[in-house]
């Protein structure tokens, strides 16, 4: 072992180790952040339904006059036009496939105060 590697071993030995408590807190944060998208369809499920209906996402893109990989964007981030194309091909609504992307639009909690005023 060279002197450099001994120094490295010594310096690594003195670095603090992450506690289990901190790891648990981080895991809870991750679960909380990911729980919002847990109701969305899995990417592979969407692709399987598109393959059954149209053959492939590439064919669907080209059929709508888009570049071959353009509809892939709708799988990764919100893009209403692409989501609508995919949903129509599968035969469901986009809100059914990606509820986390549409829950704010259809939420009644934001309109509850307005409804309470209208009723009163």
C-alpha atoms as a PDB file:
ATOM      1  CA  UNK A   1       0.000   0.000   0.000  1.00  0.00           C
ATOM      2  CA  UNK A   2       1.331   3.412  -0.900  1.00  0.00           C
ATOM      3  CA  UNK A   3       1.266   6.478   1.274  1.00  0.00           C
ATOM      4  CA  UNK A   4      -1.421   8.074  -0.879  1.00  0.00           C
ATOM      5  CA  UNK A   5      -3.769   5.148  -0.452  1.00  0.00           C
ATOM      6  CA  UNK A   6      -3.188   5.099   3.346  1.00  0.00           C
ATOM      7  CA  UNK A   7      -4.119   8.779   3.533  1.00  0.00           C
ATOM      8  CA  UNK A   8      -7.217   8.103   1.507  1.00  0.00           C
ATOM      9  CA  UNK A   9      -8.229   5.265   3.841  1.00  0.00           C
ATOM     10  CA  UNK A  10      -7.641   7.447   6.903  1.00  0.00           C
ATOM     11  CA  UNK A  11      -9.579  10.381   5.457  1.00  0.00           C
ATOM     12  CA  UNK A  12     -12.465   8.091   4.478  1.00  0.00           C
ATOM     13  CA  UNK A  13     -12.581   6.588   7.968  1.00  0.00           C
ATOM     14  CA  UNK A  14     -13.168   9.987   9.582  1.00  0.00           C
ATOM     15  CA  UNK A  15     -16.107  11.034   7.394  1.00  0.00           C
ATOM     16  CA  UNK A  16     -19.444  10.927   9.209  1.00  0.00           C
ATOM     17  CA  UNK A  17     -21.823   8.123   8.348  1.00  0.00           C
ATOM     18  CA  UNK A  18     -25.444   8.963   7.528  1.00  0.00           C
ATOM     19  CA  UNK A  19     -27.660   7.910  10.395  1.00  0.00           C
ATOM     20  CA  UNK A  20     -30.576   5.539   9.952  1.00  0.00           C
ATOM     21  CA  UNK A  21     -32.892   8.270  11.214  1.00  0.00           C
ATOM     22  CA  UNK A  22     -31.860  10.602   8.410  1.00  0.00           C
ATOM     23  CA  UNK A  23     -32.255   7.833   5.836  1.00  0.00           C
ATOM     24  CA  UNK A  24     -35.751   7.125   7.157  1.00  0.00           C
ATOM     25  CA  UNK A  25     -36.697  10.806   6.860  1.00  0.00           C
ATOM     26  CA  UNK A  26     -35.366  10.937   3.306  1.00  0.00           C
ATOM     27  CA  UNK A  27     -37.286   7.783   2.374  1.00  0.00           C
ATOM     28  CA  UNK A  28     -40.519   9.259   3.769  1.00  0.00           C
ATOM     29  CA  UNK A  29     -39.984  12.438   1.730  1.00  0.00           C
ATOM     30  CA  UNK A  30     -39.428  10.400  -1.429  1.00  0.00           C
ATOM     31  CA  UNK A  31     -42.573   8.327  -0.807  1.00  0.00           C
ATOM     32  CA  UNK A  32     -44.593  11.490  -0.221  1.00  0.00           C
ATOM     33  CA  UNK A  33     -43.328  13.085  -3.437  1.00  0.00           C
ATOM     34  CA  UNK A  34     -43.899   9.912  -5.470  1.00  0.00           C
ATOM     35  CA  UNK A  35     -47.354   9.184  -4.046  1.00  0.00           C
ATOM     36  CA  UNK A  36     -48.815  11.834  -6.334  1.00  0.00           C
ATOM     37  CA  UNK A  37     -47.854   9.909  -9.461  1.00  0.00           C
ATOM     38  CA  UNK A  38     -48.630   6.469  -8.094  1.00  0.00           C
ATOM     39  CA  UNK A  39     -52.163   6.640  -9.536  1.00  0.00           C
ATOM     40  CA  UNK A  40     -50.878   7.326 -13.046  1.00  0.00           C
ATOM     41  CA  UNK A  41     -50.662   4.409 -15.437  1.00  0.00           C
ATOM     42  CA  UNK A  42     -47.232   2.860 -15.689  1.00  0.00           C
ATOM     43  CA  UNK A  43     -45.307   3.892 -18.792  1.00  0.00           C
ATOM     44  CA  UNK A  44     -45.093   0.315 -20.067  1.00  0.00           C
ATOM     45  CA  UNK A  45     -48.850  -0.171 -19.609  1.00  0.00           C
ATOM     46  CA  UNK A  46     -49.515   2.887 -21.765  1.00  0.00           C
ATOM     47  CA  UNK A  47     -47.097   1.665 -24.423  1.00  0.00           C
ATOM     48  CA  UNK A  48     -48.676  -1.812 -24.384  1.00  0.00           C
ATOM     49  CA  UNK A  49     -52.148  -0.345 -24.940  1.00  0.00           C
ATOM     50  CA  UNK A  50     -50.850   1.859 -27.770  1.00  0.00           C
ATOM     51  CA  UNK A  51     -49.163  -1.167 -29.372  1.00  0.00           C
ATOM     52  CA  UNK A  52     -52.434  -3.134 -29.202  1.00  0.00           C
ATOM     53  CA  UNK A  53     -54.396  -0.281 -30.759  1.00  0.00           C
ATOM     54  CA  UNK A  54     -51.984   1.202 -33.317  1.00  0.00           C
ATOM     55  CA  UNK A  55     -48.870  -0.910 -33.571  1.00  0.00           C
ATOM     56  CA  UNK A  56     -46.454   1.542 -31.976  1.00  0.00           C
ATOM     57  CA  UNK A  57     -46.072   5.030 -30.587  1.00  0.00           C
ATOM     58  CA  UNK A  58     -43.966   5.908 -33.639  1.00  0.00           C
ATOM     59  CA  UNK A  59     -46.776   4.933 -36.023  1.00  0.00           C
ATOM     60  CA  UNK A  60     -49.250   6.926 -33.968  1.00  0.00           C
ATOM     61  CA  UNK A  61     -46.949   9.974 -34.065  1.00  0.00           C
ATOM     62  CA  UNK A  62     -46.516   9.768 -37.820  1.00  0.00           C
ATOM     63  CA  UNK A  63     -50.266   9.252 -38.361  1.00  0.00           C
ATOM     64  CA  UNK A  64     -50.870  12.606 -36.669  1.00  0.00           C
ATOM     65  CA  UNK A  65     -48.202  14.416 -38.692  1.00  0.00           C
ATOM     66  CA  UNK A  66     -45.650  14.505 -35.874  1.00  0.00           C
ATOM     67  CA  UNK A  67     -42.012  13.458 -35.807  1.00  0.00           C
ATOM     68  CA  UNK A  68     -41.516   9.805 -34.896  1.00  0.00           C
ATOM     69  CA  UNK A  69     -40.474  10.346 -31.269  1.00  0.00           C
ATOM     70  CA  UNK A  70     -42.629  13.384 -30.472  1.00  0.00           C
ATOM     71  CA  UNK A  71     -45.335  11.526 -28.539  1.00  0.00           C
ATOM     72  CA  UNK A  72     -42.687  10.161 -26.178  1.00  0.00           C
ATOM     73  CA  UNK A  73     -42.751  13.634 -24.575  1.00  0.00           C
ATOM     74  CA  UNK A  74     -46.288  13.033 -23.314  1.00  0.00           C
ATOM     75  CA  UNK A  75     -45.080   9.991 -21.386  1.00  0.00           C
ATOM     76  CA  UNK A  76     -42.455  12.001 -19.507  1.00  0.00           C
ATOM     77  CA  UNK A  77     -44.095  15.387 -18.920  1.00  0.00           C
ATOM     78  CA  UNK A  78     -47.395  17.185 -19.303  1.00  0.00           C
ATOM     79  CA  UNK A  79     -48.241  17.870 -22.941  1.00  0.00           C
ATOM     80  CA  UNK A  80     -52.021  18.025 -23.404  1.00  0.00           C
ATOM     81  CA  UNK A  81     -52.019  17.609 -27.186  1.00  0.00           C
ATOM     82  CA  UNK A  82     -49.883  14.467 -27.062  1.00  0.00           C
ATOM     83  CA  UNK A  83     -51.788  13.086 -24.076  1.00  0.00           C
ATOM     84  CA  UNK A  84     -55.067  13.545 -25.968  1.00  0.00           C
ATOM     85  CA  UNK A  85     -53.726  11.746 -29.051  1.00  0.00           C
ATOM     86  CA  UNK A  86     -52.566   8.798 -26.940  1.00  0.00           C
ATOM     87  CA  UNK A  87     -55.807   8.690 -24.946  1.00  0.00           C
ATOM     88  CA  UNK A  88     -57.963   8.702 -28.090  1.00  0.00           C
ATOM     89  CA  UNK A  89     -55.899   5.879 -29.574  1.00  0.00           C
ATOM     90  CA  UNK A  90     -56.348   3.777 -26.429  1.00  0.00           C
ATOM     91  CA  UNK A  91     -60.020   4.695 -26.041  1.00  0.00           C
ATOM     92  CA  UNK A  92     -59.919   6.386 -22.619  1.00  0.00           C
ATOM     93  CA  UNK A  93     -59.581   9.949 -21.379  1.00  0.00           C
ATOM     94  CA  UNK A  94     -56.215  11.534 -20.714  1.00  0.00           C
ATOM     95  CA  UNK A  95     -57.333  12.252 -17.142  1.00  0.00           C
ATOM     96  CA  UNK A  96     -57.833   8.517 -16.615  1.00  0.00           C
ATOM     97  CA  UNK A  97     -54.280   7.727 -17.751  1.00  0.00           C
ATOM     98  CA  UNK A  98     -52.594  10.624 -15.916  1.00  0.00           C
ATOM     99  CA  UNK A  99     -54.831  11.633 -12.991  1.00  0.00           C
ATOM    100  CA  UNK A 100     -52.000  13.530 -11.267  1.00  0.00           C
ATOM    101  CA  UNK A 101     -51.728  15.864 -14.261  1.00  0.00           C
ATOM    102  CA  UNK A 102     -55.451  16.607 -14.353  1.00  0.00           C
ATOM    103  CA  UNK A 103     -56.516  16.468 -10.697  1.00  0.00           C
ATOM    104  CA  UNK A 104     -56.162  20.237 -10.231  1.00  0.00           C
ATOM    105  CA  UNK A 105     -58.512  20.962 -13.138  1.00  0.00           C
ATOM    106  CA  UNK A 106     -61.270  18.674 -11.884  1.00  0.00           C
ATOM    107  CA  UNK A 107     -60.797  19.187  -8.161  1.00  0.00           C
ATOM    108  CA  UNK A 108     -63.939  20.284  -6.305  1.00  0.00           C
ATOM    109  CA  UNK A 109     -61.960  21.427  -3.274  1.00  0.00           C
ATOM    110  CA  UNK A 110     -61.021  24.705  -5.008  1.00  0.00           C
ATOM    111  CA  UNK A 111     -64.653  25.353  -5.920  1.00  0.00           C
ATOM    112  CA  UNK A 112     -66.168  24.423  -2.553  1.00  0.00           C
ATOM    113  CA  UNK A 113     -66.226  28.040  -1.298  1.00  0.00           C
ATOM    114  CA  UNK A 114     -67.933  29.237  -4.483  1.00  0.00           C
ATOM    115  CA  UNK A 115     -70.508  26.451  -4.266  1.00  0.00           C
ATOM    116  CA  UNK A 116     -71.191  27.225  -0.595  1.00  0.00           C
ATOM    117  CA  UNK A 117     -71.829  30.900  -1.451  1.00  0.00           C
ATOM    118  CA  UNK A 118     -74.175  29.998  -4.326  1.00  0.00           C
ATOM    119  CA  UNK A 119     -76.193  27.617  -2.166  1.00  0.00           C
ATOM    120  CA  UNK A 120     -76.542  30.100   0.714  1.00  0.00           C
END
